[in-house]
Amino acid sequence: MPVPLRIACPQCGQILYRKRAGRCPTCGAPVSIHVEQTRKREERIEKILAVLGTGLVLAVFVLAGGIGLLEGVAVYAVAGAALFYAAKKTFTPNRPSKD
């Protein structure tokens, strides 16, 4: 299930829940181009991670094919942790900061 993308207004920083007529409901700044660029960026990142994840699973399958059960589980756990770390470092926080 995809995580809903929370996009902040480039002018006032408020989260854009509704974007009527391509403007921020709080300050009235035009946001349609900003929203489109942000969505394209997130979609590109998701595609890259999907390709990396598929490649990683195939590589682990080929490399860990002849080893025992416990070693295979350990290899898959390390590969999963590596992909999780890559995804965590790639995506920007989707929550407002607590500052």
Protein backbone atom coordinates (compact mmCIF):
# COMPACT_ATOMS: atom_id res chain seq x y z
CA MET A 1 0.00 0.00 0.00
CA PRO A 2 1.58 3.30 -1.02
CA VAL A 3 2.23 5.95 1.59
CA PRO A 4 0.28 9.15 0.91
CA LEU A 5 2.63 11.87 -0.21
CA ARG A 6 2.47 15.01 1.89
CA ILE A 7 3.66 17.94 -0.15
CA ALA A 8 4.44 21.24 1.55
CA CYS A 9 3.71 24.62 -0.03
CA PRO A 10 6.98 26.18 -1.29
CA GLN A 11 5.94 29.61 0.05
CA CYS A 12 4.35 29.06 3.48
CA GLY A 13 5.39 25.46 4.24
CA GLN A 14 1.87 24.23 5.05
CA ILE A 15 0.95 20.69 4.01
CA LEU A 16 -1.18 20.76 0.86
CA TYR A 17 -4.21 18.56 1.51
CA ARG A 18 -6.28 20.18 -1.24
CA LYS A 19 -4.89 22.06 -4.20
CA ARG A 20 -7.86 23.89 -5.65
CA ALA A 21 -7.07 25.63 -8.94
CA GLY A 22 -3.37 24.85 -8.43
CA ARG A 23 -3.00 27.26 -5.52
CA CYS A 24 -2.19 26.84 -1.83
CA PRO A 25 -5.39 27.19 0.24
CA THR A 26 -3.43 28.99 3.00
CA CYS A 27 -1.35 31.62 1.19
CA GLY A 28 -2.68 31.44 -2.38
CA ALA A 29 0.73 30.75 -3.95
CA PRO A 30 0.77 28.76 -7.22
CA VAL A 31 1.74 25.16 -6.41
CA SER A 32 0.76 23.07 -9.43
CA ILE A 33 4.30 22.94 -10.91
CA HIS A 34 5.84 22.23 -7.49
CA VAL A 35 3.38 19.38 -6.83
CA GLU A 36 4.00 17.87 -10.27
CA GLN A 37 7.79 17.99 -9.85
CA THR A 38 7.58 16.45 -6.37
CA ARG A 39 5.35 13.62 -7.58
CA LYS A 40 7.63 12.89 -10.55
CA ARG A 41 10.67 12.80 -8.25
CA GLU A 42 9.02 10.36 -5.84
CA GLU A 43 7.82 8.16 -8.72
CA ARG A 44 11.35 8.06 -10.20
CA ILE A 45 12.78 7.06 -6.81
CA GLU A 46 10.18 4.29 -6.43
CA LYS A 47 11.05 2.90 -9.87
CA ILE A 48 14.78 2.94 -9.12
CA LEU A 49 14.26 1.12 -5.82
CA ALA A 50 12.03 -1.45 -7.52
CA VAL A 51 14.76 -2.22 -10.05
CA LEU A 52 17.42 -2.35 -7.32
CA GLY A 53 15.25 -4.62 -5.19
CA THR A 54 14.59 -7.00 -8.07
CA GLY A 55 18.27 -7.12 -8.96
CA LEU A 56 19.21 -7.71 -5.35
CA VAL A 57 16.75 -10.60 -4.98
CA LEU A 58 18.04 -12.21 -8.18
CA ALA A 59 21.67 -11.76 -7.14
CA VAL A 60 21.03 -13.25 -3.71
CA PHE A 61 19.11 -16.13 -5.29
CA VAL A 62 22.01 -16.93 -7.61
CA LEU A 63 24.76 -16.44 -5.02
CA ALA A 64 23.01 -18.16 -2.12
CA GLY A 65 21.54 -21.05 -4.10
CA GLY A 66 23.99 -23.71 -2.97
CA ILE A 67 24.34 -22.87 0.71
CA GLY A 68 22.41 -24.23 3.68
CA LEU A 69 19.12 -22.98 5.11
CA LEU A 70 20.49 -20.84 7.94
CA GLU A 71 23.15 -19.25 5.77
CA GLY A 72 20.54 -18.53 3.09
CA VAL A 73 18.24 -16.87 5.61
CA ALA A 74 21.15 -14.76 6.85
CA VAL A 75 22.05 -13.68 3.31
CA TYR A 76 18.44 -12.67 2.56
CA ALA A 77 18.24 -10.77 5.87
CA VAL A 78 21.39 -8.81 5.05
CA ALA A 79 20.11 -8.03 1.54
CA GLY A 80 16.75 -6.89 2.91
CA ALA A 81 18.44 -4.68 5.47
CA ALA A 82 20.61 -3.14 2.74
CA LEU A 83 17.58 -2.32 0.59
CA PHE A 84 15.72 -0.91 3.60
CA TYR A 85 18.69 1.32 4.44
CA ALA A 86 18.93 2.51 0.81
CA ALA A 87 15.22 3.33 0.72
CA LYS A 88 15.36 5.10 4.08
CA LYS A 89 18.26 7.30 2.95
CA THR A 90 16.66 8.02 -0.43
CA PHE A 91 13.16 9.16 0.49
CA THR A 92 12.67 12.51 2.18
CA PRO A 93 10.71 12.54 5.44
CA ASN A 94 6.99 12.53 4.72
CA ARG A 95 6.11 14.18 8.03
CA PRO A 96 6.34 17.75 9.24
CA SER A 97 9.33 18.35 11.47
CA LYS A 98 8.81 18.78 15.22
CA ASP A 99 10.86 21.98 15.36
